[in-house]
Each structure stands twice: as structure tokens, then as C-alpha cells.
């Protein structure tokens, strides 16, 4: 789809150690870890009040859990397919640089019945680029609608576990786990989570994100020695 040689390049000066593993005297000088959300309308906060979408809710959870030196950056865009997101990242890679990235994509591809092989190729390209950059990756998986048929369901639903296994990255198997199909947690469109649904998603994925933040922090320590 795009030449990989033009994907991620190292930008800026060497990163400093995260505050949560530094002594107090050094913590004030530490640059925060950058957590990027790369997704679609499920992570932009579409349909919920400002400050209650996935990004702000996750940031609050991280602070409550002691991760106070993390910048949560929402690079999601409502309506994005995997191809759209890959094009954005390729065109301005520095804007999408991160220590940890949550890749939450594929739902819009599924809704327009994009060939699962195309979806897999786009996601593979993204994860490959981030891995080469040294970024920790958390994949927020998606499941296809039953009405698309058995063949499509099986092929699409296997994209995410196969991708995670191939690259050795973290997988949250279904981004809407515990939310989809529960009216009290969904908006009237039955596609997007409401405020309570967002909180449920954050509760489910936060431990996985935190483990990757810990690993990113350890990497900084090792690189600084």
C-alpha cells in the first residue's frame, strides 16, 4: 500500500526517564510518556459530552492508578477506515509518534464490507511501522456482524489475533467487550458506547495499557544507561 522505508523516522532528542520510576529529584525533569490512540469514532467520543470520551476517560483512569507522567494524545478520527488511518500516519509520521499506541481500527471497514485481506494488510503495515520505531502496540480488536455471513465473519474476526501473534503485541480482543448488545451502555444508534459504556471499555483495557506503559518506561531506563 505504501513504501515502508518512508514510514517512521526517529525525531528529536533522546527521551528522558518516566517520573514514576525515577527518584523525586529527577522526576521534575522527566519527559512524559506519550500514549497515542489511533482509532475511529469509537475512540473519538462521538455522541458523548466533551471530556467523557475514551481518551479523557482513559487519562483519568491512568492518573487514578498513579500514571501521572503520561500524555494521552487522541489521534483518532470518526469515519476512518484502516486505509484512511494509514494514509494519515504515512503523511505526517511525527504527529503519530508515541511510546505506546492503541490501534482501534477496522470497524468502518467491516461496515462497508472491505475485503478482510485488505484490512489485515493495512493493519499489518501500521503495526510493522510502530514496531520498527520501538513503540509498544495495543490492538483494540473488532468483530464482524453476523449478517455478513460465516465466511466473512471467520476471516475478519481472525485478523486481530493473527496480527497480535505475528508481531508479539498486546491484544484486547473486542474493543466493545461487555458493552455491545447492552442497551444501558450503548447510544440509541446501537453502535457507539454512551458515557457508561466508555467507562466499561476503559475498565477493561486499562490494565493492558498500563502493562505496556510500564514496559515503555523500562525501555527508557535501559536506553539511558
Protein backbone atom coordinates (compact mmCIF):
# COMPACT_ATOMS: atom_id res chain seq x y z
CA UNK A 1 0.00 0.00 0.00
CA UNK A 2 2.86 2.39 0.92
CA UNK A 3 6.61 2.07 0.92
CA UNK A 4 7.71 1.07 4.38
CA UNK A 5 11.04 2.88 4.03
CA UNK A 6 9.17 6.17 4.36
CA UNK A 7 7.21 5.27 7.47
CA UNK A 8 8.64 6.01 10.93
CA UNK A 9 11.83 8.03 11.49
CA UNK A 10 13.35 8.99 14.82
CA UNK A 11 12.63 12.60 15.69
CA UNK A 12 14.03 14.96 18.31
CA UNK A 13 16.39 14.44 21.19
CA UNK A 14 16.79 11.36 23.35
CA UNK A 15 13.84 10.73 25.67
CA UNK A 16 14.19 11.07 29.43
CA UNK A 17 13.14 8.60 32.09
CA UNK A 18 9.49 8.41 33.22
CA UNK A 19 8.77 10.07 36.54
CA UNK A 20 7.07 7.07 38.12
CA UNK A 21 10.33 5.08 38.15
CA UNK A 22 12.74 7.96 38.90
CA UNK A 23 13.81 9.37 42.26
CA UNK A 24 11.98 12.57 43.24
CA UNK A 25 14.89 14.86 42.33
CA UNK A 26 14.83 13.64 38.73
CA UNK A 27 11.07 13.34 38.25
CA UNK A 28 10.51 17.03 37.51
CA UNK A 29 12.91 16.83 34.57
CA UNK A 30 11.43 13.68 33.07
CA UNK A 31 9.57 13.93 29.78
CA UNK A 32 6.17 12.24 29.92
CA UNK A 33 5.45 9.02 28.14
CA UNK A 34 3.29 9.60 25.08
CA UNK A 35 0.24 7.35 24.73
CA UNK A 36 -1.42 7.67 21.33
CA UNK A 37 -4.93 6.49 20.47
CA UNK A 38 -5.25 5.74 16.77
CA UNK A 39 -8.83 4.84 16.03
CA UNK A 40 -12.23 5.79 14.66
CA UNK A 41 -15.47 7.13 16.13
CA UNK A 42 -15.46 4.54 18.91
CA UNK A 43 -12.47 6.32 20.45
CA UNK A 44 -13.17 9.93 19.43
CA UNK A 45 -16.01 10.30 21.90
CA UNK A 46 -18.67 10.64 19.22
CA UNK A 47 -22.06 11.26 20.77
CA UNK A 48 -20.90 11.75 24.38
CA UNK A 49 -20.28 15.07 26.19
CA UNK A 50 -16.86 16.68 25.94
CA UNK A 51 -14.48 15.19 28.46
CA UNK A 52 -16.28 11.84 28.64
CA UNK A 53 -14.94 10.10 25.56
CA UNK A 54 -12.45 7.27 25.54
CA UNK A 55 -9.33 9.47 25.62
CA UNK A 56 -10.27 11.65 28.62
CA UNK A 57 -11.76 8.68 30.48
CA UNK A 58 -8.59 6.64 29.97
CA UNK A 59 -6.43 9.58 31.06
CA UNK A 60 -8.43 9.88 34.29
CA UNK A 61 -8.09 6.16 34.96
CA UNK A 62 -4.33 6.27 34.40
CA UNK A 63 -3.93 9.22 36.78
CA UNK A 64 -6.02 7.45 39.40
CA UNK A 65 -3.76 4.41 39.05
CA UNK A 66 -0.63 6.51 39.58
CA UNK A 67 0.42 7.11 35.97
CA UNK A 68 0.81 10.86 36.32
CA UNK A 69 3.60 11.36 33.78
CA UNK A 70 1.72 10.19 30.69
CA UNK A 71 0.40 12.38 27.90
CA UNK A 72 -2.70 10.81 26.33
CA UNK A 73 -2.99 12.01 22.72
CA UNK A 74 -6.09 11.17 20.71
CA UNK A 75 -5.18 10.75 17.05
CA UNK A 76 -8.50 9.13 16.19
CA UNK A 77 -10.87 10.35 13.50
CA UNK A 78 -14.54 9.45 13.16
CA UNK A 79 -15.26 7.54 9.97
CA UNK A 80 -11.70 6.38 9.43
CA UNK A 81 -11.02 3.06 7.77
CA UNK A 82 -7.70 1.30 8.21
CA UNK A 83 -6.57 2.77 4.88
CA UNK A 84 -7.53 6.29 5.99
CA UNK A 85 -5.56 5.98 9.21
CA UNK A 86 -2.54 4.51 7.45
CA UNK A 87 -2.56 7.37 4.96
CA UNK A 88 -2.66 9.93 7.78
CA UNK A 89 0.23 8.29 9.61
CA UNK A 90 2.32 8.00 6.46
CA UNK A 91 1.78 11.64 5.51
CA UNK A 92 2.72 13.12 8.91
CA UNK A 93 4.56 10.41 10.89
CA UNK A 94 5.90 12.76 13.55
CA UNK A 95 2.36 13.66 14.62
CA UNK A 96 1.67 9.99 15.34
CA UNK A 97 4.90 9.17 17.15
CA UNK A 98 4.40 7.55 20.55
CA UNK A 99 5.84 5.36 23.28
CA UNK A 100 2.63 3.31 23.35
CA UNK A 101 -0.12 3.25 20.76
CA UNK A 102 -3.65 1.83 20.95
CA UNK A 103 -4.72 0.81 17.45
CA UNK A 104 -8.54 0.72 17.37
CA UNK A 105 -9.47 0.35 13.71
CA UNK A 106 -11.39 -1.89 11.34
CA UNK A 107 -14.99 -1.30 12.36
CA UNK A 108 -15.70 1.01 9.45
CA UNK A 109 -14.01 -1.39 7.04
CA UNK A 110 -16.31 -4.12 8.28
CA UNK A 111 -19.42 -1.96 7.92
CA UNK A 112 -18.65 -1.35 4.23
CA UNK A 113 -17.60 -4.99 3.79
CA UNK A 114 -14.00 -4.30 2.86
CA UNK A 115 -12.11 -7.44 1.94
CA UNK A 116 -10.58 -8.75 5.20
CA UNK A 117 -7.29 -9.29 3.37
CA UNK A 118 -7.12 -5.54 2.72
CA UNK A 119 -7.94 -4.73 6.34
CA UNK A 120 -5.26 -7.16 7.52
CA UNK A 121 -2.68 -5.68 5.16
CA UNK A 122 -3.36 -2.12 6.32
CA UNK A 123 -3.20 -3.04 9.99
CA UNK A 124 -0.06 -5.08 9.42
CA UNK A 125 1.58 -2.07 7.80
CA UNK A 126 0.73 0.12 10.78
CA UNK A 127 1.92 -2.35 13.40
CA UNK A 128 5.10 -3.08 11.44
CA UNK A 129 5.93 0.63 11.36
CA UNK A 130 5.34 1.10 15.06
CA UNK A 131 7.34 -1.99 15.97
CA UNK A 132 10.29 -0.74 13.92
CA UNK A 133 10.06 2.56 15.77
CA UNK A 134 10.17 0.74 19.10
CA UNK A 135 6.62 1.71 20.05
CA UNK A 136 4.60 -0.62 22.24
CA UNK A 137 1.35 -1.60 20.50
CA UNK A 138 -2.05 -2.45 21.98
CA UNK A 139 -4.56 -3.69 19.41
CA UNK A 140 -8.23 -2.99 20.11
CA UNK A 141 -9.92 -5.73 18.13
CA UNK A 142 -13.24 -5.74 16.33
CA UNK A 143 -15.78 -8.44 15.47
CA UNK A 144 -17.87 -8.59 12.31
CA UNK A 145 -21.67 -8.53 12.17
CA UNK A 146 -23.27 -11.99 11.91
CA UNK A 147 -25.39 -10.90 8.93
CA UNK A 148 -22.25 -10.57 6.80
CA UNK A 149 -22.09 -14.33 6.64
CA UNK A 150 -19.98 -17.12 8.07
CA UNK A 151 -17.07 -16.83 5.65
CA UNK A 152 -16.66 -13.10 6.18
CA UNK A 153 -17.13 -13.43 9.94
CA UNK A 154 -14.43 -16.06 10.33
CA UNK A 155 -11.92 -14.33 8.06
CA UNK A 156 -12.44 -10.87 9.54
CA UNK A 157 -12.51 -11.98 13.17
CA UNK A 158 -9.17 -13.78 12.77
CA UNK A 159 -7.37 -10.63 11.65
CA UNK A 160 -6.67 -9.31 15.13
CA UNK A 161 -5.43 -12.43 16.96
CA UNK A 162 -3.26 -13.33 13.96
CA UNK A 163 -1.79 -9.85 13.85
CA UNK A 164 -1.05 -9.82 17.58
CA UNK A 165 0.58 -13.25 17.39
CA UNK A 166 2.67 -12.32 14.37
CA UNK A 167 4.13 -9.18 15.90
CA UNK A 168 4.09 -10.19 19.56
CA UNK A 169 1.91 -7.24 20.59
CA UNK A 170 -0.90 -6.91 23.11
CA UNK A 171 -4.46 -7.72 22.07
CA UNK A 172 -7.72 -6.56 23.60
CA UNK A 173 -9.84 -8.97 21.54
CA UNK A 174 -13.01 -6.86 21.20
CA UNK A 175 -12.93 -3.14 21.90
CA UNK A 176 -16.66 -3.15 22.75
CA UNK A 177 -16.46 -6.22 25.00
CA UNK A 178 -19.12 -6.07 27.70
CA UNK A 179 -20.71 -3.06 26.00
CA UNK A 180 -22.02 -4.06 22.60
CA UNK A 181 -25.51 -5.54 22.87
CA UNK A 182 -26.16 -3.96 26.26
CA UNK A 183 -28.69 -1.12 25.78
CA UNK A 184 -27.77 0.57 29.05
CA UNK A 185 -24.20 1.01 27.80
CA UNK A 186 -24.92 1.98 24.20
CA UNK A 187 -26.22 5.07 22.47
CA UNK A 188 -29.50 4.90 20.58
CA UNK A 189 -27.64 4.05 17.35
CA UNK A 190 -26.62 0.73 18.97
CA UNK A 191 -23.12 1.23 17.57
CA UNK A 192 -21.37 3.72 19.86
CA UNK A 193 -20.91 3.49 23.62
CA UNK A 194 -22.52 6.03 25.92
CA UNK A 195 -20.69 7.51 28.91
CA UNK A 196 -21.23 4.38 31.00
CA UNK A 197 -20.13 2.23 28.07
CA UNK A 198 -16.93 4.23 27.65
CA UNK A 199 -16.14 3.69 31.32
CA UNK A 200 -16.67 -0.03 30.84
CA UNK A 201 -14.27 -0.09 27.90
CA UNK A 202 -11.66 1.81 29.90
CA UNK A 203 -12.01 -0.57 32.83
CA UNK A 204 -11.39 -3.50 30.53
CA UNK A 205 -8.46 -2.19 28.52
CA UNK A 206 -6.65 -0.08 31.14
CA UNK A 207 -4.66 -2.93 32.76
CA UNK A 208 -3.30 -3.92 29.34
CA UNK A 209 -2.39 -0.32 28.55
CA UNK A 210 -0.69 0.09 31.92
CA UNK A 211 1.47 -3.00 31.39
CA UNK A 212 2.66 -1.52 28.12
CA UNK A 213 3.37 1.85 29.74
CA UNK A 214 5.44 0.03 32.35
CA UNK A 215 7.38 -1.74 29.60
CA UNK A 216 7.92 1.55 27.76
CA UNK A 217 9.24 3.10 30.96
CA UNK A 218 11.67 0.23 31.46
CA UNK A 219 12.88 0.68 27.91
CA UNK A 220 13.69 4.31 28.60
CA UNK A 221 15.68 3.32 31.66
CA UNK A 222 17.68 0.79 29.65
CA UNK A 223 18.34 3.26 26.83
CA UNK A 224 19.50 5.93 29.29
CA UNK A 225 22.15 3.71 30.89
